[in-house]
């Protein structure tokens, strides 16, 4: 069952920032902010640091270990070739391959991780709150963990153009 949330519509991002700071100070649960474009000030107030870069480092180390193991296995254990008196295992030529595979594997796994975390997949229906969110309006979705009347009063004082309750 969907929960009823407070949805505030703002035409001006400055008013939205003012409302966000007040709501954050009063520890009101913020569900999401929707807008026609990204705003770094809003992102700083709403989001926390992403863990995706840490995952990319883990993917990079994993890819280097995997490709090194694969190349060692194929060139030394499975099919050793001795040509021209050169050593069976030579590390320097493998550095370029490991570097390129690291970039490829890290990129692919980071994109897949992002899509899995954001639950983005082909055919997913759009969950747009209002058609004007892609045009010229910002929407602030709040949980009703606090006194709803007081939240609506704060939003009115901070310049919300429209305040409604919707099931999301």
Protein backbone atom coordinates (compact mmCIF):
# COMPACT_ATOMS: atom_id res chain seq x y z
CA UNK A 1 0.00 0.00 0.00
CA UNK A 2 1.33 3.41 -0.93
CA UNK A 3 1.98 5.94 1.77
CA UNK A 4 0.52 9.44 1.67
CA UNK A 5 3.26 12.04 1.39
CA UNK A 6 3.39 15.81 1.30
CA UNK A 7 4.33 17.12 -2.15
CA UNK A 8 5.34 20.77 -2.53
CA UNK A 9 5.75 22.47 -5.91
CA UNK A 10 8.29 25.28 -6.33
CA UNK A 11 8.91 27.43 -9.40
CA UNK A 12 12.02 29.06 -7.92
CA UNK A 13 15.02 26.99 -6.86
CA UNK A 14 16.07 29.63 -4.31
CA UNK A 15 12.81 29.17 -2.44
CA UNK A 16 13.26 25.42 -2.61
CA UNK A 17 16.76 25.71 -1.10
CA UNK A 18 15.38 27.87 1.69
CA UNK A 19 12.64 25.32 2.42
CA UNK A 20 15.12 22.43 2.29
CA UNK A 21 17.44 24.03 4.84
CA UNK A 22 14.54 24.69 7.21
CA UNK A 23 13.22 21.16 6.87
CA UNK A 24 16.70 19.69 7.40
CA UNK A 25 17.16 21.80 10.54
CA UNK A 26 13.88 20.43 11.91
CA UNK A 27 14.78 16.85 10.93
CA UNK A 28 11.83 16.27 8.63
CA UNK A 29 12.23 13.08 6.57
CA UNK A 30 12.87 14.03 2.97
CA UNK A 31 11.95 11.36 0.44
CA UNK A 32 13.09 12.99 -2.80
CA UNK A 33 13.47 16.17 -4.81
CA UNK A 34 12.47 16.24 -8.47
CA UNK A 35 13.50 18.99 -10.86
CA UNK A 36 14.05 19.87 -14.50
CA UNK A 37 17.84 20.09 -14.09
CA UNK A 38 20.55 19.19 -11.60
CA UNK A 39 21.43 21.73 -8.94
CA UNK A 40 24.59 21.17 -6.90
CA UNK A 41 23.31 23.06 -3.87
CA UNK A 42 20.21 20.87 -3.74
CA UNK A 43 22.31 17.73 -4.18
CA UNK A 44 24.54 18.73 -1.26
CA UNK A 45 21.52 19.15 1.00
CA UNK A 46 19.67 16.04 -0.11
CA UNK A 47 22.19 13.31 -0.88
CA UNK A 48 25.06 11.66 0.87
CA UNK A 49 28.38 10.67 -0.66
CA UNK A 50 28.13 7.97 -3.30
CA UNK A 51 29.80 4.62 -2.70
CA UNK A 52 30.17 3.99 -6.42
CA UNK A 53 33.82 5.23 -6.56
CA UNK A 54 34.77 2.72 -3.85
CA UNK A 55 33.10 -0.04 -5.83
CA UNK A 56 35.01 1.06 -8.94
CA UNK A 57 38.31 0.67 -7.07
CA UNK A 58 37.28 -2.82 -5.96
CA UNK A 59 36.30 -3.68 -9.54
CA UNK A 60 39.65 -2.38 -10.79
CA UNK A 61 41.68 -4.50 -8.37
CA UNK A 62 39.50 -7.52 -9.09
CA UNK A 63 39.99 -7.12 -12.84
CA UNK A 64 43.77 -6.83 -12.52
CA UNK A 65 43.92 -9.98 -10.40
CA UNK A 66 41.63 -11.88 -12.78
CA UNK A 67 43.43 -10.90 -15.97
CA UNK A 68 46.85 -11.53 -14.41
CA UNK A 69 45.73 -14.99 -13.31
CA UNK A 70 44.26 -15.73 -16.72
CA UNK A 71 47.38 -14.62 -18.61
CA UNK A 72 49.68 -16.49 -16.23
CA UNK A 73 47.60 -19.66 -16.57
CA UNK A 74 47.49 -19.51 -20.37
CA UNK A 75 51.15 -18.60 -20.91
CA UNK A 76 52.84 -20.71 -18.19
CA UNK A 77 50.58 -23.58 -17.12
CA UNK A 78 48.22 -24.44 -19.97
CA UNK A 79 50.25 -23.72 -23.09
CA UNK A 80 53.87 -22.75 -22.38
CA UNK A 81 55.80 -21.71 -25.46
CA UNK A 82 59.55 -21.39 -25.53
CA UNK A 83 60.61 -19.39 -28.52
CA UNK A 84 63.98 -17.79 -29.16
CA UNK A 85 65.27 -18.55 -25.65
CA UNK A 86 62.90 -16.01 -24.12
CA UNK A 87 61.37 -16.67 -20.70
CA UNK A 88 58.01 -18.45 -20.57
CA UNK A 89 56.46 -15.76 -18.42
CA UNK A 90 57.26 -12.13 -19.20
CA UNK A 91 55.43 -9.50 -17.19
CA UNK A 92 56.06 -6.20 -19.10
CA UNK A 93 54.03 -7.08 -22.22
CA UNK A 94 51.07 -7.96 -19.99
CA UNK A 95 50.89 -4.54 -18.32
CA UNK A 96 49.13 -2.92 -21.27
CA UNK A 97 46.58 -5.72 -21.52
CA UNK A 98 45.93 -5.60 -17.77
CA UNK A 99 45.50 -1.82 -17.88
CA UNK A 100 43.04 -1.93 -20.78
CA UNK A 101 41.07 -4.82 -19.31
CA UNK A 102 40.96 -2.98 -15.97
CA UNK A 103 39.38 0.06 -17.64
CA UNK A 104 36.88 -2.08 -19.57
CA UNK A 105 35.85 -4.26 -16.61
CA UNK A 106 35.61 -1.32 -14.18
CA UNK A 107 33.47 0.70 -16.58
CA UNK A 108 31.07 -2.13 -17.34
CA UNK A 109 30.70 -3.16 -13.70
CA UNK A 110 30.24 0.45 -12.53
CA UNK A 111 27.46 1.02 -15.06
CA UNK A 112 25.76 -2.23 -14.06
CA UNK A 113 26.10 -1.36 -10.36
CA UNK A 114 24.60 2.08 -10.92
CA UNK A 115 21.67 0.65 -12.85
CA UNK A 116 21.07 -2.06 -10.23
CA UNK A 117 21.23 0.42 -7.34
CA UNK A 118 18.97 2.96 -9.06
CA UNK A 119 16.66 0.16 -10.23
CA UNK A 120 16.84 1.36 -13.82
CA UNK A 121 16.00 -1.25 -16.40
CA UNK A 122 14.42 -1.37 -19.87
CA UNK A 123 10.65 -1.19 -19.85
CA UNK A 124 10.36 0.31 -16.38
CA UNK A 125 7.34 2.63 -16.21
CA UNK A 126 8.01 6.28 -15.49
CA UNK A 127 7.31 7.47 -11.96
CA UNK A 128 6.99 11.17 -12.74
CA UNK A 129 5.05 13.04 -10.06
CA UNK A 130 3.79 15.75 -12.39
CA UNK A 131 4.40 16.55 -16.08
CA UNK A 132 5.80 19.99 -15.20
CA UNK A 133 8.73 18.41 -13.34
CA UNK A 134 10.50 18.04 -16.68
CA UNK A 135 9.68 21.58 -17.74
CA UNK A 136 9.99 24.31 -15.13
CA UNK A 137 9.05 23.13 -11.64
CA UNK A 138 10.76 21.58 -8.65
CA UNK A 139 8.92 19.10 -6.46
CA UNK A 140 9.76 18.28 -2.88
CA UNK A 141 8.38 15.01 -1.49
CA UNK A 142 8.28 14.73 2.29
CA UNK A 143 7.39 11.99 4.72
CA UNK A 144 4.70 12.79 7.26
CA UNK A 145 6.85 11.81 10.24
CA UNK A 146 6.46 15.31 11.68
CA UNK A 147 3.32 17.37 12.26
CA UNK A 148 1.88 17.69 8.69
CA UNK A 149 0.17 21.01 9.41
CA UNK A 150 3.42 22.53 10.65
CA UNK A 151 5.30 21.22 7.61
CA UNK A 152 2.71 22.75 5.28
CA UNK A 153 2.94 26.06 7.16
CA UNK A 154 6.74 26.10 6.79
CA UNK A 155 6.46 25.32 3.08
CA UNK A 156 3.94 28.17 2.61
CA UNK A 157 6.26 30.58 4.45
CA UNK A 158 9.20 29.50 2.29
CA UNK A 159 7.32 30.17 -0.95
CA UNK A 160 5.84 26.87 -2.13
CA UNK A 161 3.50 27.46 -5.07
CA UNK A 162 1.36 24.41 -4.41
CA UNK A 163 1.18 21.92 -1.53
CA UNK A 164 -0.70 18.64 -1.89
CA UNK A 165 -0.83 15.19 -0.37
CA UNK A 166 -0.27 12.30 -2.77
CA UNK A 167 0.17 8.58 -2.49
CA UNK A 168 3.57 7.67 -3.86
